[in-house]
Protein backbone atom coordinates (compact mmCIF):
# COMPACT_ATOMS: atom_id res chain seq x y z
CA MET A 1 0.24 0.06 -0.07
CA THR A 2 2.80 2.56 0.36
CA ALA A 3 3.41 2.21 -2.57
CA LEU A 4 0.68 2.73 -4.31
CA ARG A 5 0.26 5.59 -2.17
CA ALA A 6 3.53 6.10 -3.77
CA GLY A 7 1.89 6.46 -7.01
CA GLY A 8 -1.22 7.64 -6.23
CA ALA A 9 -1.67 10.61 -8.76
CA PRO A 10 0.20 9.36 -11.05
CA CYS A 11 -1.47 6.06 -11.48
CA VAL A 12 -4.60 8.13 -11.87
CA LEU A 13 -3.73 10.02 -14.33
CA VAL A 14 -2.04 6.71 -16.48
CA LEU A 15 -5.31 5.75 -16.15
CA ALA A 16 -7.06 8.56 -17.18
CA ILE A 17 -4.31 8.45 -20.35
CA VAL A 18 -5.45 4.45 -20.88
CA LEU A 19 -8.80 4.99 -20.97
CA GLY A 20 -8.47 8.22 -23.24
CA ILE A 21 -6.22 6.04 -25.78
CA GLY A 22 -9.54 3.97 -25.79
CA ALA A 23 -11.75 6.50 -26.35
CA GLY A 24 -9.68 8.10 -29.39
CA GLU A 25 -10.20 4.35 -30.64
CA LEU A 26 -13.57 4.37 -30.32
CA THR A 27 -13.66 7.85 -31.93
CA GLY A 28 -11.83 6.90 -35.14
CA PRO A 29 -9.45 9.25 -36.78
CA GLY A 30 -10.32 13.07 -36.76
CA PRO A 31 -9.18 16.70 -36.18
CA CYS A 32 -7.90 16.75 -32.84
CA VAL A 33 -7.45 21.05 -32.63
CA PRO A 34 -10.86 21.29 -30.26
CA LEU A 35 -10.02 18.40 -27.75
CA LEU A 36 -6.56 19.63 -27.41
CA ILE A 37 -8.48 23.45 -27.24
CA LEU A 38 -10.81 21.85 -23.72
CA ALA A 39 -7.65 20.24 -23.01
CA ALA A 40 -5.55 22.79 -22.51
CA PHE A 41 -8.84 24.69 -20.26
CA THR A 42 -9.08 21.80 -18.57
CA LEU A 43 -5.53 21.95 -17.00
CA VAL A 44 -5.49 25.44 -16.48
CA VAL A 45 -9.52 24.90 -14.05
CA ALA A 46 -7.29 21.39 -12.48
CA TRP A 47 -4.03 23.99 -11.88
CA MET A 48 -6.17 26.19 -9.79
CA ALA A 49 -8.44 24.17 -8.10
CA PRO A 50 -7.53 22.57 -4.62
CA ALA A 51 -5.49 19.09 -4.45
CA ARG A 52 -8.58 16.43 -4.63
CA VAL A 53 -10.89 18.23 -6.82
CA GLY A 54 -7.98 19.41 -9.41
CA LEU A 55 -6.86 15.41 -9.65
CA ALA A 56 -10.22 14.47 -10.81
CA ILE A 57 -9.75 17.38 -13.24
CA GLY A 58 -6.33 16.86 -14.16
CA ALA A 59 -7.65 13.27 -15.12
CA LEU A 60 -10.05 14.08 -17.14
CA ALA A 61 -7.92 17.21 -19.31
CA VAL A 62 -4.84 13.77 -20.17
CA LEU A 63 -7.38 11.77 -20.75
CA LEU A 64 -8.48 14.47 -23.06
CA LEU A 65 -5.62 14.65 -24.88
CA ALA A 66 -4.53 11.05 -24.65
CA CYS A 67 -8.08 10.78 -27.26
CA ALA A 68 -6.67 13.78 -29.44
CA LEU A 69 -3.52 12.82 -29.47
CA THR A 70 -5.48 9.17 -30.11
CA GLY A 71 -7.61 10.53 -33.27
CA ARG A 72 -4.57 12.44 -34.88
CA ALA A 73 -2.47 9.08 -35.25
CA LEU A 74 -5.66 7.64 -36.66
CA ASP A 75 -6.02 10.44 -38.98
CA GLY A 76 -2.72 10.43 -39.59
CA MET A 77 -2.87 6.91 -41.20
CA VAL A 78 -6.09 6.66 -43.23
CA HIS A 79 -5.02 10.28 -45.21
CA SER A 80 -1.84 9.01 -46.66
CA ALA A 81 -0.24 9.30 -49.65
CA PHE A 82 0.28 5.25 -49.59
CA VAL A 83 -3.12 4.50 -49.40
CA ALA A 84 -4.93 4.67 -52.59
CA PRO A 85 -1.60 3.54 -54.42
CA ALA A 86 -1.45 0.46 -52.32
CA ARG A 87 -5.41 -0.02 -52.97
CA SER A 88 -4.39 -0.45 -56.61
CA MET A 89 -1.35 -2.32 -55.72
CA GLN A 90 0.31 0.23 -58.06
CA PRO A 91 4.28 -0.31 -58.67
CA SER A 92 5.88 1.69 -56.87
CA VAL A 93 9.63 3.60 -55.58
CA VAL A 94 10.14 5.25 -52.13
CA THR A 95 13.56 6.96 -50.26
CA GLY A 96 12.64 6.22 -46.37
CA THR A 97 14.60 5.38 -43.28
CA LEU A 98 15.20 1.72 -41.59
CA VAL A 99 13.38 2.40 -38.15
CA GLY A 100 15.09 -1.03 -37.15
CA ASP A 101 17.30 -4.31 -37.96
CA PRO A 102 15.61 -6.27 -41.28
CA ASP A 103 13.66 -9.27 -39.65
CA PRO A 104 14.51 -12.30 -41.65
CA SER A 105 12.76 -15.81 -41.70
CA ARG A 106 13.92 -19.02 -43.82
CA PHE A 107 12.60 -17.40 -46.97
CA SER A 108 11.52 -14.00 -46.16
CA THR A 109 12.54 -10.73 -44.83
CA SER A 110 10.94 -7.80 -44.07
CA ALA A 111 11.38 -4.90 -42.14
CA LEU A 112 9.82 -1.18 -40.74
CA VAL A 113 10.96 1.86 -43.30
CA ARG A 114 9.87 5.51 -42.51
CA VAL A 115 9.31 6.86 -46.07
CA THR A 116 9.61 10.00 -46.88
CA GLU A 117 9.54 10.72 -50.72
CA LEU A 118 7.15 8.67 -52.91
CA ASP A 119 8.07 7.93 -56.72
CA GLY A 120 10.88 11.26 -56.35
CA VAL A 121 7.87 13.58 -54.71
CA GLY A 122 8.28 14.38 -51.23
CA VAL A 123 5.96 13.45 -48.92
CA PRO A 124 4.86 13.48 -45.19
CA ALA A 125 6.83 10.73 -43.16
CA ARG A 126 4.56 7.62 -43.02
CA THR A 127 5.52 4.11 -42.26
CA LEU A 128 5.70 1.15 -44.86
CA VAL A 129 5.97 -2.49 -43.66
CA VAL A 130 9.17 -3.38 -46.89
CA SER A 131 9.11 -7.69 -47.04
CA GLY A 132 11.63 -9.42 -49.50
CA SER A 133 11.33 -12.91 -50.79
CA GLY A 134 13.62 -14.77 -53.53
CA ASP A 135 16.25 -12.98 -54.52
CA ALA A 136 15.71 -9.22 -52.65
CA ALA A 137 15.32 -10.90 -49.58
CA GLY A 138 19.33 -10.97 -48.90
CA PRO A 139 20.19 -7.68 -49.07
CA LEU A 140 17.98 -6.18 -47.30
CA ARG A 141 18.71 -8.77 -45.00
CA ILE A 142 22.31 -7.75 -44.30
CA LEU A 143 21.11 -3.52 -44.29
CA HIS A 144 20.74 -2.16 -40.46
CA ALA A 145 18.38 0.39 -38.69
CA GLY A 146 19.13 3.78 -39.47
CA ASP A 147 20.35 2.77 -42.95
CA ARG A 148 19.29 5.44 -45.97
CA VAL A 149 17.75 3.25 -48.74
CA ARG A 150 15.57 3.25 -52.29
CA LEU A 151 13.91 0.71 -52.86
CA ALA A 152 11.17 -0.07 -55.54
CA GLY A 153 8.28 -2.50 -55.59
CA ILE A 154 4.32 -2.43 -55.16
CA LEU A 155 2.41 -1.51 -53.00
CA ALA A 156 -0.10 -3.47 -51.41
CA PRO A 157 -2.33 -2.49 -48.19
CA LEU A 158 -1.80 -4.66 -44.68
CA GLU A 159 -3.44 -8.16 -44.58
CA GLY A 160 -3.19 -11.13 -42.85
CA TRP A 161 -0.12 -11.04 -39.34
CA GLU A 162 0.77 -7.78 -40.76
CA SER A 163 -2.35 -5.48 -40.14
CA TYR A 164 -1.09 -6.19 -36.57
CA LEU A 165 2.16 -4.17 -37.17
CA ARG A 166 -0.84 -0.85 -37.78
CA TRP A 167 0.22 -0.18 -34.49
CA ARG A 168 3.79 0.51 -35.56
CA HIS A 169 2.06 3.71 -37.44
CA ALA A 170 2.29 0.83 -40.57
CA VAL A 171 -0.33 2.16 -43.17
CA ALA A 172 0.59 -0.12 -45.77
CA ARG A 173 2.97 -3.22 -47.26
CA LEU A 174 6.07 -3.05 -50.69
CA GLU A 175 6.00 -6.05 -51.59
CA LEU A 176 9.96 -5.27 -52.73
CA ARG A 177 11.44 -6.07 -56.03
CA ARG A 178 14.92 -3.81 -55.93
CA ILE A 179 16.95 -1.97 -53.61
CA ASP A 180 18.31 0.64 -56.02
CA ALA A 181 20.19 2.50 -53.18
CA PHE A 182 20.97 2.53 -49.86
CA SER A 183 24.06 4.48 -47.23
CA ALA A 184 24.17 4.42 -43.81
CA THR A 185 23.05 6.58 -41.54
CA HIS A 186 24.60 10.16 -40.81
CA ALA A 187 23.37 11.34 -37.57
CA PRO A 188 26.04 11.36 -35.01
CA LEU A 189 24.52 9.02 -31.91
CA ALA A 190 23.49 6.00 -34.57
CA ARG A 191 26.84 6.28 -36.28
CA PHE A 192 28.58 6.41 -32.42
CA ALA A 193 25.75 3.51 -30.61
CA ASP A 194 25.97 1.46 -34.24
CA ALA A 195 29.89 1.18 -33.78
CA ILE A 196 29.76 0.69 -30.03
CA ARG A 197 27.43 -2.64 -30.98
CA ALA A 198 29.55 -3.98 -33.58
CA HIS A 199 32.15 -3.92 -31.20
CA VAL A 200 30.48 -5.58 -28.58
CA LEU A 201 29.07 -8.21 -31.72
CA GLY A 202 32.70 -8.55 -32.89
CA GLY A 203 33.96 -9.58 -29.53
CA THR A 204 31.39 -12.35 -29.54
CA ALA A 205 32.59 -13.88 -32.77
CA GLY A 206 35.21 -16.52 -30.71
CA LEU A 207 32.62 -17.79 -29.52
CA PRO A 208 30.44 -21.21 -31.14
CA THR A 209 27.67 -19.73 -33.00
CA ALA A 210 24.75 -21.05 -30.34
CA ASP A 211 26.09 -19.26 -27.31
CA ARG A 212 26.53 -16.10 -29.72
CA ALA A 213 23.38 -15.58 -30.37
CA LEU A 214 22.59 -16.07 -27.36
CA LEU A 215 24.71 -13.72 -25.67
CA ALA A 216 24.22 -10.88 -28.81
CA GLY A 217 20.14 -11.21 -27.12
CA PHE A 218 20.98 -11.44 -23.85
CA LEU A 219 22.97 -8.16 -24.25
CA LEU A 220 21.42 -6.28 -27.24
CA GLY A 221 18.30 -8.07 -27.94
CA ASP A 222 19.35 -8.87 -30.91
CA THR A 223 17.82 -12.50 -31.23
CA ARG A 224 17.98 -12.75 -34.88
CA GLY A 225 20.33 -15.51 -34.55
CA MET A 226 18.59 -18.13 -32.09
CA THR A 227 17.82 -20.66 -33.87
CA PRO A 228 14.12 -21.61 -33.37
CA GLU A 229 14.48 -24.89 -30.54
CA THR A 230 16.51 -22.40 -28.75
CA THR A 231 13.67 -19.39 -28.40
CA ALA A 232 10.80 -22.01 -27.95
CA THR A 233 13.01 -23.01 -25.25
CA PHE A 234 13.09 -19.86 -23.30
CA ARG A 235 10.00 -19.39 -23.86
CA ASN A 236 8.55 -22.67 -22.59
CA ALA A 237 11.01 -21.92 -19.84
CA GLY A 238 9.73 -18.50 -18.72
CA LEU A 239 12.95 -17.04 -19.26
CA SER A 240 12.15 -15.51 -23.04
CA HIS A 241 12.12 -12.51 -21.45
CA LEU A 242 16.08 -12.39 -20.24
CA VAL A 243 16.67 -11.97 -24.23
CA ALA A 244 14.42 -8.59 -24.37
CA VAL A 245 16.47 -6.41 -23.60
CA SER A 246 15.10 -4.43 -20.19
CA GLY A 247 15.77 -1.94 -17.53
CA GLU A 248 17.76 -4.60 -15.56
CA ASN A 249 20.25 -4.55 -18.91
CA LEU A 250 20.26 -0.82 -18.48
CA ALA A 251 20.70 -0.80 -14.54
CA PHE A 252 23.73 -2.79 -14.75
CA VAL A 253 25.09 -0.59 -17.79
CA LEU A 254 24.86 2.27 -15.72
CA ALA A 255 26.41 0.59 -13.43
CA LEU A 256 29.32 -0.33 -15.54
CA ALA A 257 29.53 3.73 -15.55
CA SER A 258 28.94 4.73 -12.67
CA PRO A 259 32.98 4.97 -11.70
CA PHE A 260 33.42 7.48 -14.43
CA LEU A 261 29.61 9.41 -13.84
CA GLY A 262 30.98 9.37 -10.02
CA ARG A 263 34.11 11.77 -10.74
CA MET A 264 31.70 14.46 -12.48
CA PRO A 265 30.33 17.31 -10.58
CA ARG A 266 26.28 16.71 -10.47
CA VAL A 267 25.43 18.37 -13.80
CA GLY A 268 27.93 15.83 -15.13
CA ARG A 269 26.65 13.31 -13.71
CA LEU A 270 23.00 13.95 -14.76
CA LEU A 271 24.25 14.67 -18.53
CA GLY A 272 26.27 11.98 -18.97
CA GLY A 273 23.58 9.28 -17.43
CA VAL A 274 21.33 10.98 -20.10
CA ALA A 275 23.98 10.38 -22.46
CA VAL A 276 24.66 6.65 -21.56
CA ILE A 277 20.80 6.52 -21.57
CA LEU A 278 20.57 7.59 -25.29
CA VAL A 279 23.58 5.46 -26.09
CA PHE A 280 22.28 2.67 -24.86
CA GLY A 281 18.92 2.87 -26.23
CA THR A 282 19.77 3.83 -29.61
CA MET A 283 22.59 0.18 -29.54
CA THR A 284 19.47 -1.91 -28.81
CA ARG A 285 17.15 -0.29 -30.87
CA TRP A 286 14.38 1.71 -28.49
CA GLU A 287 12.60 -1.54 -28.70
CA PRO A 288 9.44 -0.45 -26.29
CA SER A 289 10.40 -2.18 -23.30
CA VAL A 290 14.04 -0.42 -23.80
CA LEU A 291 11.47 2.90 -24.37
CA ARG A 292 9.66 2.01 -20.42
CA ALA A 293 13.02 1.40 -19.56
CA ALA A 294 15.39 4.24 -20.72
CA THR A 295 12.19 6.80 -19.83
CA MET A 296 12.12 5.83 -15.53
CA ALA A 297 15.62 6.12 -15.80
CA VAL A 298 16.25 9.69 -16.94
CA LEU A 299 13.53 10.16 -14.45
CA ALA A 300 15.22 9.01 -11.57
CA LEU A 301 18.39 10.34 -12.57
CA MET A 302 16.08 14.00 -12.88
CA ALA A 303 14.57 13.05 -8.96
CA ARG A 304 17.86 12.64 -8.21
CA TYR A 305 19.49 15.80 -9.65
CA SER A 306 16.94 17.77 -8.00
CA GLY A 307 17.03 15.90 -4.86
CA ARG A 308 13.98 14.46 -4.61
CA PRO A 309 14.00 11.10 -4.79
CA ALA A 310 11.24 8.99 -6.40
CA SER A 311 9.54 5.93 -5.39
CA ALA A 312 9.52 3.32 -8.05
CA ALA A 313 5.91 2.93 -8.81
CA ARG A 314 6.22 6.79 -9.17
CA LEU A 315 8.91 6.71 -12.29
CA LEU A 316 6.83 3.75 -13.80
CA ALA A 317 3.47 5.86 -14.24
CA LEU A 318 4.86 9.18 -15.12
CA GLY A 319 7.13 7.13 -17.96
CA ALA A 320 4.33 5.26 -19.26
CA GLY A 321 2.31 7.85 -19.35
CA LEU A 322 4.48 10.08 -21.04
CA LEU A 323 5.37 7.25 -23.68
CA LEU A 324 1.44 6.70 -23.84
CA LEU A 325 1.46 10.44 -25.06
CA VAL A 326 3.86 10.91 -27.26
CA ASP A 327 2.79 7.65 -28.88
CA PRO A 328 -0.82 6.31 -27.73
CA PHE A 329 -0.12 3.04 -30.20
CA LEU A 330 2.43 1.41 -27.51
CA LEU A 331 -0.75 0.77 -26.02
CA HIS A 332 -1.40 -2.30 -27.95
CA SER A 333 2.58 -3.57 -28.39
CA VAL A 334 2.59 -6.33 -26.37
CA GLY A 335 6.48 -6.13 -24.97
CA PHE A 336 5.11 -2.98 -23.82
CA GLN A 337 2.54 -4.44 -21.84
CA LEU A 338 4.65 -7.13 -20.51
CA SER A 339 7.16 -4.65 -19.77
CA CYS A 340 4.98 -2.47 -17.97
CA ALA A 341 3.37 -5.16 -15.92
CA ALA A 342 6.21 -6.60 -14.27
CA CYS A 343 7.70 -3.35 -13.71
CA ALA A 344 4.68 -2.90 -11.64
CA GLY A 345 4.41 -6.05 -10.17
CA ILE A 346 7.75 -5.56 -8.63
CA ALA A 347 6.92 -2.01 -7.44
CA PHE A 348 3.86 -3.02 -6.19
CA LEU A 349 4.33 -6.96 -5.01
CA GLY A 350 7.76 -7.24 -4.68
CA PRO A 351 8.95 -5.30 -1.41
CA ALA A 352 5.70 -7.04 0.63
CA ILE A 353 6.50 -10.23 -0.35
CA THR A 354 10.14 -10.17 0.18
CA ALA A 355 9.57 -8.94 3.73
CA ARG A 356 7.57 -11.74 4.28
CA LEU A 357 9.75 -14.35 3.01
CA ARG A 358 12.18 -16.66 4.85
CA GLY A 359 15.62 -17.26 4.40
CA PRO A 360 18.80 -15.48 3.54
CA ALA A 361 18.56 -11.95 1.94
CA TRP A 362 20.24 -13.07 -1.19
CA PHE A 363 17.37 -15.44 -1.62
CA ARG A 364 14.50 -13.45 -0.51
CA GLU A 365 14.74 -10.75 -2.26
CA ALA A 366 15.19 -12.94 -5.55
CA PHE A 367 12.19 -15.21 -4.83
CA GLY A 368 10.21 -12.24 -3.78
CA THR A 369 11.34 -9.88 -6.59
CA THR A 370 10.80 -13.26 -9.60
CA LEU A 371 7.25 -13.64 -7.45
CA ALA A 372 6.17 -10.17 -7.65
CA ALA A 373 6.65 -9.89 -11.58
CA GLN A 374 4.88 -13.23 -12.83
CA LEU A 375 2.40 -12.22 -10.74
CA GLY A 376 2.45 -9.38 -12.64
CA VAL A 377 2.72 -10.37 -15.85
CA ALA A 378 -0.45 -13.15 -15.58
CA PRO A 379 -2.62 -10.74 -15.90
CA VAL A 380 -1.35 -9.50 -19.51
CA GLN A 381 0.37 -13.00 -20.85
CA ILE A 382 -2.27 -14.97 -19.98
CA PRO A 383 -4.85 -13.43 -22.64
CA ILE A 384 -2.11 -12.92 -24.88
CA PHE A 385 -0.55 -16.30 -24.63
CA GLY A 386 -3.23 -18.98 -23.50
CA SER A 387 -1.17 -19.91 -20.15
CA LEU A 388 1.94 -19.28 -18.26
CA PRO A 389 4.96 -21.65 -17.26
CA LEU A 390 4.14 -23.35 -13.41
CA VAL A 391 8.31 -23.55 -14.04
CA ALA A 392 8.63 -19.94 -14.63
CA LEU A 393 8.86 -19.13 -11.13
CA PRO A 394 11.89 -21.66 -10.07
CA ALA A 395 13.72 -20.83 -13.51
CA ASN A 396 13.64 -17.17 -12.81
CA VAL A 397 15.32 -17.71 -9.46
CA LEU A 398 17.56 -19.85 -10.97
CA ALA A 399 18.54 -17.98 -13.63
CA ALA A 400 18.37 -15.45 -11.55
CA PRO A 401 22.31 -15.40 -10.34
CA LEU A 402 23.04 -15.36 -13.79
CA VAL A 403 21.90 -12.29 -14.91
CA GLY A 404 24.21 -9.57 -13.84
CA PRO A 405 27.53 -11.82 -14.18
CA ILE A 406 26.73 -12.66 -17.61
CA THR A 407 25.83 -9.27 -18.47
CA VAL A 408 28.12 -7.55 -17.39
CA LEU A 409 31.32 -10.54 -18.20
CA GLY A 410 29.72 -10.33 -21.56
CA LEU A 411 30.45 -6.43 -22.11
CA VAL A 412 33.77 -6.56 -20.56
CA SER A 413 34.93 -9.95 -22.58
CA SER A 414 33.06 -8.40 -25.91
CA ALA A 415 35.66 -5.83 -25.59
CA VAL A 416 38.54 -6.99 -24.31
CA ALA A 417 38.07 -9.27 -26.96
CA GLY A 418 37.41 -6.41 -29.50
CA VAL A 419 40.42 -5.52 -29.28
CA PHE A 420 42.91 -8.03 -28.88
CA GLY A 421 40.76 -10.02 -31.85
CA PRO A 422 37.97 -12.57 -30.72
CA ARG A 423 40.57 -15.60 -31.68
CA SER A 424 43.61 -14.32 -29.66
CA THR A 425 44.14 -15.54 -26.01
CA PRO A 426 42.98 -12.99 -24.13
CA GLY A 427 39.70 -13.11 -25.62
CA ARG A 428 39.65 -17.15 -25.51
CA LEU A 429 40.43 -16.43 -21.69
CA VAL A 430 37.55 -13.44 -21.46
CA ALA A 431 35.55 -14.71 -22.80
CA LEU A 432 35.68 -18.88 -20.74
CA PRO A 433 33.91 -18.01 -18.06
CA VAL A 434 30.68 -15.83 -20.37
CA LEU A 435 30.68 -19.15 -22.19
CA VAL A 436 30.71 -21.72 -18.47
CA LEU A 437 27.80 -18.34 -18.34
CA LEU A 438 25.32 -19.18 -21.32
CA ARG A 439 25.82 -22.93 -20.71
CA ALA A 440 24.25 -22.53 -17.09
CA LEU A 441 21.38 -20.92 -18.45
CA ASP A 442 20.92 -22.69 -21.43
CA ALA A 443 20.88 -25.90 -18.92
CA VAL A 444 18.62 -24.23 -16.98
CA ALA A 445 15.98 -23.44 -19.54
CA THR A 446 16.57 -26.51 -21.13
CA GLY A 447 15.22 -28.86 -17.88
CA ALA A 448 12.85 -25.91 -16.80
CA ALA A 449 11.30 -26.70 -21.13
CA ARG A 450 10.82 -29.64 -20.46
CA VAL A 451 8.50 -29.66 -17.63
CA PRO A 452 5.10 -29.58 -19.56
CA VAL A 453 2.53 -27.96 -16.89
CA ALA A 454 1.08 -24.60 -17.68
CA VAL A 455 -1.76 -22.71 -15.83
CA ASP A 456 -4.60 -20.66 -18.01
CA GLY A 457 -7.06 -18.25 -16.47
CA ARG A 458 -8.65 -20.54 -14.28
CA GLY A 459 -5.65 -22.02 -13.12
CA LEU A 460 -4.30 -18.47 -12.08
CA LEU A 461 -8.44 -18.22 -10.24
CA LEU A 462 -6.95 -21.57 -8.68
CA VAL A 463 -4.09 -20.97 -7.51
CA GLY A 464 -4.79 -17.36 -6.46
CA ALA A 465 -7.74 -18.71 -4.10
CA GLY A 466 -5.09 -20.88 -2.56
CA ALA A 467 -2.44 -19.09 -2.21
CA ALA A 468 -5.41 -16.51 -0.36
CA LEU A 469 -6.79 -19.66 1.59
CA VAL A 470 -2.46 -20.82 2.80
CA ALA A 471 -2.20 -17.05 4.14
CA ALA A 472 -5.51 -16.46 5.72
CA GLY A 473 -4.43 -20.05 7.80
CA LEU A 474 -1.53 -18.48 8.95
CA ARG A 475 -2.26 -15.44 9.32
CA LEU A 476 -4.77 -16.97 11.87
CA ARG A 477 -2.57 -19.29 13.30
CA THR A 478 0.32 -16.80 14.07
CA GLY A 479 -3.18 -14.11 15.66
CA ARG A 480 -4.11 -17.31 17.96
CA ARG A 481 -0.43 -18.07 19.17
CA ARG A 482 -0.23 -14.11 19.93
CA SER A 483 -3.34 -14.40 21.49
CA ALA A 484 -1.93 -17.19 23.25
CA ARG A 485 1.33 -15.56 24.59
CA VAL A 486 -0.39 -12.10 25.95
CA ALA A 487 -2.63 -14.57 27.88
CA ARG A 488 -0.05 -16.38 29.80
CA GLU A 489 2.42 -13.16 30.37
CA THR A 490 -1.03 -11.29 31.55
């Protein structure tokens, strides 16, 4: 309850933002200026009103703001230069920038491209799903996020599973025929982050292929090299979040940078920390979970700089609210939902669960945090994926001690191997501990994945009811013992 009170007002505002996004999707695309004006007026009224009344009026203001921004985002997708050509399956040449790294499969490759030119004419920037197969898949596969490209193909409407990508602002699909030109990004931040990313990946070249792919997913969230079997193993073990970069990875990176940041003045620590976060986010391609973690980290640095540290619950509410206002479609991102749900479970339930556990501190913290995260993601994961592996809790407890060493040693060994060479003697020596840890993590995942027991929605209710009964029984027993002890003392 302490955590809930600490993040009370921001949580109310986040709920209002979510409701506003839902209302905006119901009303559909349209002009947003009238709602924006009304939201601004309501914010002024909320600022002048007493605290509790002001919170209610402020919640209404952000609801109107979220509704307006959602309608604007939908309007931009409906009214674009690509809608008519896509309906008529028109051959086109587009110029734009890759939003993320291409996603290769066995027979094809797809990528999201932010397009600014259509057939040589400048247009308002929109995102296309570029899909290449056959001879076109290979050249697309070697490109990277941020590359500038000119592509020729056939525009078509989104269909099938690609329709989900509209929540990543995709308005149409380009069936790729050829790549006419491409060039690397000229943005200084992207070039610097890509150089570090290439250095890290190059430093893992001395590892066996499977271990190298797992480490790339662990450090950078790059799972393109992982086999379908390995991906399924980690998913069935409830450990797939380990190869999706999140706040834990960012925390370790900031910890590695802390000796250098600690030597700076206060404003230098703030700016240096933000710079580290920006480079890390660019390296990991700003996945939704990274966006959430990076926003919370920046807010935490700002709070510390101002001398007013904030609770994790308040940081989560503020960070999630800001991100949803910037991009209302994030609400439909499974990665964003799971990341926020896990963080909410840890923030709201973690301290209470840990305080009631018995045993060594490391066990109580690992078990309590893991259980809180699993309880947090269950309401999101079960409706989407149908079930939650029952073995996920013990598997995560066993994997927890390996997370920090793999992240820290993996980054350090990649840096050393990048200097001396991954197949040199120093490169092999520093990679050996990482290899041992990766094999241990893989053993945990493989063993856990062999337990074919999962909890669906009804199972979760039964487990929750059973846990509540056990907790009530223990509480009653403790109360009786306390009453008996008081009676003997009197």
